[in-house]
Amino acid sequence: MNMENSNPVDDIFVIKVSEIQYLAKQKFGKYLDEKEIKEVQNRSQRALQCCEKVVLYAIEDVIHETKR
């Protein structure tokens, strides 16, 4: 891919509020209010703080495989 033609604001991983609400309704039988959604967001962000390591591992793995 040519970086000149790529859009730097494209997302790789996104969790939409509608997906959270769907899961909450399916698993717990209720939709979350705004405060609960914010807390889910905060806890999810804390859990994903190791994201940089995961992405770097994936990049390294892809580069290694393309050299074969």
PDB file of N, CA and C in Angstrom:
ATOM      1  N   MET A   1       0.842  -1.174   0.000  1.00  0.00           N
ATOM      2  CA  MET A   1       0.000   0.000   0.000  1.00  0.00           C
ATOM      3  C   MET A   1       0.887   1.237   0.000  1.00  0.00           C
ATOM      4  N   ASN A   2       0.537   2.159  -0.797  1.00  0.00           N
ATOM      5  CA  ASN A   2       1.240   3.426  -0.866  1.00  0.00           C
ATOM      6  C   ASN A   2       0.671   4.353   0.212  1.00  0.00           C
ATOM      7  N   MET A   3       1.508   4.792   1.147  1.00  0.00           N
ATOM      8  CA  MET A   3       1.035   5.630   2.254  1.00  0.00           C
ATOM      9  C   MET A   3       0.475   6.959   1.765  1.00  0.00           C
ATOM     10  N   GLU A   4       0.906   7.410   0.574  1.00  0.00           N
ATOM     11  CA  GLU A   4       0.379   8.659   0.042  1.00  0.00           C
ATOM     12  C   GLU A   4      -1.103   8.535  -0.294  1.00  0.00           C
ATOM     13  N   ASN A   5      -1.539   7.329  -0.609  1.00  0.00           N
ATOM     14  CA  ASN A   5      -2.933   7.096  -0.987  1.00  0.00           C
ATOM     15  C   ASN A   5      -3.791   6.632   0.185  1.00  0.00           C
ATOM     16  N   SER A   6      -3.184   6.402   1.338  1.00  0.00           N
ATOM     17  CA  SER A   6      -3.948   5.904   2.476  1.00  0.00           C
ATOM     18  C   SER A   6      -4.523   7.056   3.281  1.00  0.00           C
ATOM     19  N   ASN A   7      -5.574   6.749   4.001  1.00  0.00           N
ATOM     20  CA  ASN A   7      -6.207   7.739   4.861  1.00  0.00           C
ATOM     21  C   ASN A   7      -5.694   7.520   6.280  1.00  0.00           C
ATOM     22  N   PRO A   8      -4.952   8.453   6.859  1.00  0.00           N
ATOM     23  CA  PRO A   8      -4.362   8.247   8.183  1.00  0.00           C
ATOM     24  C   PRO A   8      -5.381   8.202   9.319  1.00  0.00           C
ATOM     25  N   VAL A   9      -6.637   8.510   9.059  1.00  0.00           N
ATOM     26  CA  VAL A   9      -7.628   8.476  10.124  1.00  0.00           C
ATOM     27  C   VAL A   9      -8.480   7.210  10.101  1.00  0.00           C
ATOM     28  N   ASP A  10      -8.197   6.281   9.198  1.00  0.00           N
ATOM     29  CA  ASP A  10      -8.928   5.019   9.188  1.00  0.00           C
ATOM     30  C   ASP A  10      -8.634   4.256  10.473  1.00  0.00           C
ATOM     31  N   ASP A  11      -9.646   3.598  10.995  1.00  0.00           N
ATOM     32  CA  ASP A  11      -9.495   2.830  12.221  1.00  0.00           C
ATOM     33  C   ASP A  11      -9.198   1.377  11.890  1.00  0.00           C
ATOM     34  N   ILE A  12      -8.466   0.735  12.771  1.00  0.00           N
ATOM     35  CA  ILE A  12      -8.217  -0.701  12.648  1.00  0.00           C
ATOM     36  C   ILE A  12      -9.161  -1.461  13.564  1.00  0.00           C
ATOM     37  N   PHE A  13      -9.413  -0.919  14.733  1.00  0.00           N
ATOM     38  CA  PHE A  13     -10.265  -1.611  15.697  1.00  0.00           C
ATOM     39  C   PHE A  13     -11.172  -0.588  16.368  1.00  0.00           C
ATOM     40  N   VAL A  14     -12.471  -0.815  16.288  1.00  0.00           N
ATOM     41  CA  VAL A  14     -13.451   0.094  16.869  1.00  0.00           C
ATOM     42  C   VAL A  14     -14.537  -0.731  17.556  1.00  0.00           C
ATOM     43  N   ILE A  15     -14.923  -0.316  18.737  1.00  0.00           N
ATOM     44  CA  ILE A  15     -16.082  -0.914  19.406  1.00  0.00           C
ATOM     45  C   ILE A  15     -17.144   0.170  19.476  1.00  0.00           C
ATOM     46  N   LYS A  16     -18.223  -0.026  18.772  1.00  0.00           N
ATOM     47  CA  LYS A  16     -19.293   0.972  18.743  1.00  0.00           C
ATOM     48  C   LYS A  16     -20.195   0.823  19.959  1.00  0.00           C
ATOM     49  N   VAL A  17     -20.760   1.931  20.384  1.00  0.00           N
ATOM     50  CA  VAL A  17     -21.690   1.918  21.508  1.00  0.00           C
ATOM     51  C   VAL A  17     -22.856   0.985  21.202  1.00  0.00           C
ATOM     52  N   SER A  18     -23.300   0.970  19.963  1.00  0.00           N
ATOM     53  CA  SER A  18     -24.408   0.083  19.587  1.00  0.00           C
ATOM     54  C   SER A  18     -24.037  -1.383  19.804  1.00  0.00           C
ATOM     55  N   GLU A  19     -22.757  -1.734  19.593  1.00  0.00           N
ATOM     56  CA  GLU A  19     -22.313  -3.110  19.835  1.00  0.00           C
ATOM     57  C   GLU A  19     -22.298  -3.422  21.331  1.00  0.00           C
ATOM     58  N   ILE A  20     -21.864  -2.443  22.131  1.00  0.00           N
ATOM     59  CA  ILE A  20     -21.871  -2.614  23.589  1.00  0.00           C
ATOM     60  C   ILE A  20     -23.310  -2.797  24.077  1.00  0.00           C
ATOM     61  N   GLN A  21     -24.206  -1.961  23.569  1.00  0.00           N
ATOM     62  CA  GLN A  21     -25.612  -2.045  23.969  1.00  0.00           C
ATOM     63  C   GLN A  21     -26.219  -3.398  23.560  1.00  0.00           C
ATOM     64  N   TYR A  22     -25.879  -3.865  22.389  1.00  0.00           N
ATOM     65  CA  TYR A  22     -26.381  -5.170  21.936  1.00  0.00           C
ATOM     66  C   TYR A  22     -25.910  -6.274  22.879  1.00  0.00           C
ATOM     67  N   LEU A  23     -24.618  -6.261  23.211  1.00  0.00           N
ATOM     68  CA  LEU A  23     -24.079  -7.273  24.120  1.00  0.00           C
ATOM     69  C   LEU A  23     -24.726  -7.195  25.497  1.00  0.00           C
ATOM     70  N   ALA A  24     -24.897  -5.974  26.010  1.00  0.00           N
ATOM     71  CA  ALA A  24     -25.516  -5.796  27.323  1.00  0.00           C
ATOM     72  C   ALA A  24     -26.941  -6.335  27.329  1.00  0.00           C
ATOM     73  N   LYS A  25     -27.678  -6.037  26.289  1.00  0.00           N
ATOM     74  CA  LYS A  25     -29.069  -6.501  26.204  1.00  0.00           C
ATOM     75  C   LYS A  25     -29.131  -8.023  26.083  1.00  0.00           C
ATOM     76  N   GLN A  26     -28.270  -8.590  25.246  1.00  0.00           N
ATOM     77  CA  GLN A  26     -28.272 -10.037  25.049  1.00  0.00           C
ATOM     78  C   GLN A  26     -27.843 -10.790  26.302  1.00  0.00           C
ATOM     79  N   LYS A  27     -26.804 -10.317  26.958  1.00  0.00           N
ATOM     80  CA  LYS A  27     -26.235 -11.036  28.101  1.00  0.00           C
ATOM     81  C   LYS A  27     -26.934 -10.714  29.421  1.00  0.00           C
ATOM     82  N   PHE A  28     -27.339  -9.440  29.612  1.00  0.00           N
ATOM     83  CA  PHE A  28     -27.856  -9.007  30.909  1.00  0.00           C
ATOM     84  C   PHE A  28     -29.303  -8.530  30.868  1.00  0.00           C
ATOM     85  N   GLY A  29     -29.888  -8.508  29.654  1.00  0.00           N
ATOM     86  CA  GLY A  29     -31.298  -8.167  29.524  1.00  0.00           C
ATOM     87  C   GLY A  29     -31.620  -6.693  29.688  1.00  0.00           C
ATOM     88  N   LYS A  30     -30.622  -5.827  29.578  1.00  0.00           N
ATOM     89  CA  LYS A  30     -30.871  -4.385  29.712  1.00  0.00           C
ATOM     90  C   LYS A  30     -29.858  -3.592  28.906  1.00  0.00           C
ATOM     91  N   TYR A  31     -30.273  -2.395  28.526  1.00  0.00           N
ATOM     92  CA  TYR A  31     -29.358  -1.452  27.898  1.00  0.00           C
ATOM     93  C   TYR A  31     -28.681  -0.642  28.985  1.00  0.00           C
ATOM     94  N   LEU A  32     -27.489  -0.157  28.711  1.00  0.00           N
ATOM     95  CA  LEU A  32     -26.734   0.628  29.678  1.00  0.00           C
ATOM     96  C   LEU A  32     -27.079   2.107  29.554  1.00  0.00           C
ATOM     97  N   ASP A  33     -27.058   2.801  30.683  1.00  0.00           N
ATOM     98  CA  ASP A  33     -27.260   4.248  30.619  1.00  0.00           C
ATOM     99  C   ASP A  33     -25.917   4.921  30.301  1.00  0.00           C
ATOM    100  N   GLU A  34     -25.931   6.238  30.152  1.00  0.00           N
ATOM    101  CA  GLU A  34     -24.739   6.978  29.738  1.00  0.00           C
ATOM    102  C   GLU A  34     -23.577   6.797  30.725  1.00  0.00           C
ATOM    103  N   LYS A  35     -23.874   6.810  32.001  1.00  0.00           N
ATOM    104  CA  LYS A  35     -22.835   6.633  33.025  1.00  0.00           C
ATOM    105  C   LYS A  35     -22.210   5.239  32.921  1.00  0.00           C
ATOM    106  N   GLU A  36     -23.031   4.230  32.715  1.00  0.00           N
ATOM    107  CA  GLU A  36     -22.525   2.860  32.589  1.00  0.00           C
ATOM    108  C   GLU A  36     -21.672   2.703  31.322  1.00  0.00           C
ATOM    109  N   ILE A  37     -22.114   3.312  30.233  1.00  0.00           N
ATOM    110  CA  ILE A  37     -21.339   3.260  28.985  1.00  0.00           C
ATOM    111  C   ILE A  37     -19.966   3.894  29.196  1.00  0.00           C
ATOM    112  N   LYS A  38     -19.916   5.029  29.864  1.00  0.00           N
ATOM    113  CA  LYS A  38     -18.649   5.709  30.134  1.00  0.00           C
ATOM    114  C   LYS A  38     -17.732   4.829  30.965  1.00  0.00           C
ATOM    115  N   GLU A  39     -18.291   4.141  31.947  1.00  0.00           N
ATOM    116  CA  GLU A  39     -17.479   3.261  32.795  1.00  0.00           C
ATOM    117  C   GLU A  39     -16.972   2.057  31.995  1.00  0.00           C
ATOM    118  N   VAL A  40     -17.789   1.508  31.114  1.00  0.00           N
ATOM    119  CA  VAL A  40     -17.341   0.423  30.232  1.00  0.00           C
ATOM    120  C   VAL A  40     -16.191   0.923  29.358  1.00  0.00           C
ATOM    121  N   GLN A  41     -16.308   2.137  28.843  1.00  0.00           N
ATOM    122  CA  GLN A  41     -15.252   2.725  28.025  1.00  0.00           C
ATOM    123  C   GLN A  41     -13.959   2.846  28.828  1.00  0.00           C
ATOM    124  N   ASN A  42     -14.044   3.389  30.039  1.00  0.00           N
ATOM    125  CA  ASN A  42     -12.860   3.560  30.881  1.00  0.00           C
ATOM    126  C   ASN A  42     -12.192   2.225  31.190  1.00  0.00           C
ATOM    127  N   ARG A  43     -12.982   1.242  31.557  1.00  0.00           N
ATOM    128  CA  ARG A  43     -12.416  -0.066  31.910  1.00  0.00           C
ATOM    129  C   ARG A  43     -11.828  -0.756  30.692  1.00  0.00           C
ATOM    130  N   SER A  44     -12.459  -0.613  29.547  1.00  0.00           N
ATOM    131  CA  SER A  44     -11.936  -1.210  28.315  1.00  0.00           C
ATOM    132  C   SER A  44     -10.615  -0.565  27.923  1.00  0.00           C
ATOM    133  N   GLN A  45     -10.528   0.750  28.057  1.00  0.00           N
ATOM    134  CA  GLN A  45      -9.283   1.449  27.729  1.00  0.00           C
ATOM    135  C   GLN A  45      -8.144   1.011  28.641  1.00  0.00           C
ATOM    136  N   ARG A  46      -8.427   0.845  29.915  1.00  0.00           N
ATOM    137  CA  ARG A  46      -7.392   0.373  30.848  1.00  0.00           C
ATOM    138  C   ARG A  46      -6.939  -1.035  30.482  1.00  0.00           C
ATOM    139  N   ALA A  47      -7.889  -1.871  30.106  1.00  0.00           N
ATOM    140  CA  ALA A  47      -7.561  -3.252  29.757  1.00  0.00           C
ATOM    141  C   ALA A  47      -6.728  -3.334  28.483  1.00  0.00           C
ATOM    142  N   LEU A  48      -6.885  -2.353  27.613  1.00  0.00           N
ATOM    143  CA  LEU A  48      -6.176  -2.370  26.323  1.00  0.00           C
ATOM    144  C   LEU A  48      -4.904  -1.525  26.319  1.00  0.00           C
ATOM    145  N   GLN A  49      -4.405  -1.153  27.484  1.00  0.00           N
ATOM    146  CA  GLN A  49      -3.194  -0.343  27.534  1.00  0.00           C
ATOM    147  C   GLN A  49      -1.985  -1.067  26.959  1.00  0.00           C
ATOM    148  N   CYS A  50      -2.046  -2.375  26.893  1.00  0.00           N
ATOM    149  CA  CYS A  50      -0.938  -3.131  26.313  1.00  0.00           C
ATOM    150  C   CYS A  50      -1.067  -3.208  24.790  1.00  0.00           C
ATOM    151  N   CYS A  51      -1.970  -2.447  24.219  1.00  0.00           N
ATOM    152  CA  CYS A  51      -2.234  -2.470  22.783  1.00  0.00           C
ATOM    153  C   CYS A  51      -0.970  -2.236  21.957  1.00  0.00           C
ATOM    154  N   GLU A  52      -0.097  -1.346  22.406  1.00  0.00           N
ATOM    155  CA  GLU A  52       1.119  -1.059  21.647  1.00  0.00           C
ATOM    156  C   GLU A  52       1.957  -2.315  21.468  1.00  0.00           C
ATOM    157  N   LYS A  53       2.099  -3.107  22.517  1.00  0.00           N
ATOM    158  CA  LYS A  53       2.878  -4.345  22.422  1.00  0.00           C
ATOM    159  C   LYS A  53       2.243  -5.313  21.436  1.00  0.00           C
ATOM    160  N   VAL A  54       0.928  -5.411  21.466  1.00  0.00           N
ATOM    161  CA  VAL A  54       0.217  -6.309  20.560  1.00  0.00           C
ATOM    162  C   VAL A  54       0.413  -5.871  19.114  1.00  0.00           C
ATOM    163  N   VAL A  55       0.281  -4.581  18.850  1.00  0.00           N
ATOM    164  CA  VAL A  55       0.440  -4.054  17.491  1.00  0.00           C
ATOM    165  C   VAL A  55       1.880  -4.232  17.016  1.00  0.00           C
ATOM    166  N   LEU A  56       2.855  -3.934  17.870  1.00  0.00           N
ATOM    167  CA  LEU A  56       4.248  -4.114  17.480  1.00  0.00           C
ATOM    168  C   LEU A  56       4.555  -5.574  17.177  1.00  0.00           C
ATOM    169  N   TYR A  57       4.012  -6.489  17.957  1.00  0.00           N
ATOM    170  CA  TYR A  57       4.198  -7.915  17.683  1.00  0.00           C
ATOM    171  C   TYR A  57       3.592  -8.283  16.334  1.00  0.00           C
ATOM    172  N   ALA A  58       2.405  -7.782  16.048  1.00  0.00           N
ATOM    173  CA  ALA A  58       1.753  -8.078  14.768  1.00  0.00           C
ATOM    174  C   ALA A  58       2.560  -7.514  13.602  1.00  0.00           C
ATOM    175  N   ILE A  59       3.063  -6.287  13.744  1.00  0.00           N
ATOM    176  CA  ILE A  59       3.881  -5.684  12.685  1.00  0.00           C
ATOM    177  C   ILE A  59       5.139  -6.519  12.449  1.00  0.00           C
ATOM    178  N   GLU A  60       5.814  -6.881  13.533  1.00  0.00           N
ATOM    179  CA  GLU A  60       7.030  -7.685  13.426  1.00  0.00           C
ATOM    180  C   GLU A  60       6.746  -9.018  12.746  1.00  0.00           C
ATOM    181  N   ASP A  61       5.643  -9.644  13.109  1.00  0.00           N
ATOM    182  CA  ASP A  61       5.261 -10.929  12.536  1.00  0.00           C
ATOM    183  C   ASP A  61       4.978 -10.807  11.041  1.00  0.00           C
ATOM    184  N   VAL A  62       4.270  -9.762  10.651  1.00  0.00           N
ATOM    185  CA  VAL A  62       3.959  -9.539   9.237  1.00  0.00           C
ATOM    186  C   VAL A  62       5.229  -9.283   8.441  1.00  0.00           C
ATOM    187  N   ILE A  63       6.109  -8.435   8.968  1.00  0.00           N
ATOM    188  CA  ILE A  63       7.363  -8.132   8.271  1.00  0.00           C
ATOM    189  C   ILE A  63       8.205  -9.395   8.126  1.00  0.00           C
ATOM    190  N   HIS A  64       8.270 -10.192   9.174  1.00  0.00           N
ATOM    191  CA  HIS A  64       9.041 -11.430   9.141  1.00  0.00           C
ATOM    192  C   HIS A  64       8.496 -12.392   8.079  1.00  0.00           C
ATOM    193  N   GLU A  65       7.175 -12.517   8.011  1.00  0.00           N
ATOM    194  CA  GLU A  65       6.570 -13.425   7.027  1.00  0.00           C
ATOM    195  C   GLU A  65       6.741 -12.935   5.591  1.00  0.00           C
ATOM    196  N   THR A  66       6.745 -11.622   5.375  1.00  0.00           N
ATOM    197  CA  THR A  66       6.881 -11.105   4.016  1.00  0.00           C
ATOM    198  C   THR A  66       8.322 -11.239   3.515  1.00  0.00           C
ATOM    199  N   LYS A  67       9.270 -11.434   4.393  1.00  0.00           N
ATOM    200  CA  LYS A  67      10.667 -11.623   3.987  1.00  0.00           C
ATOM    201  C   LYS A  67      10.932 -13.035   3.498  1.00  0.00           C
ATOM    202  N   ARG A  68      10.037 -13.957   3.749  1.00  0.00           N
ATOM    203  CA  ARG A  68      10.248 -15.365   3.361  1.00  0.00           C
ATOM    204  C   ARG A  68      10.149 -15.554   1.883  1.00  0.00           C
TER     205      ARG A  68
END
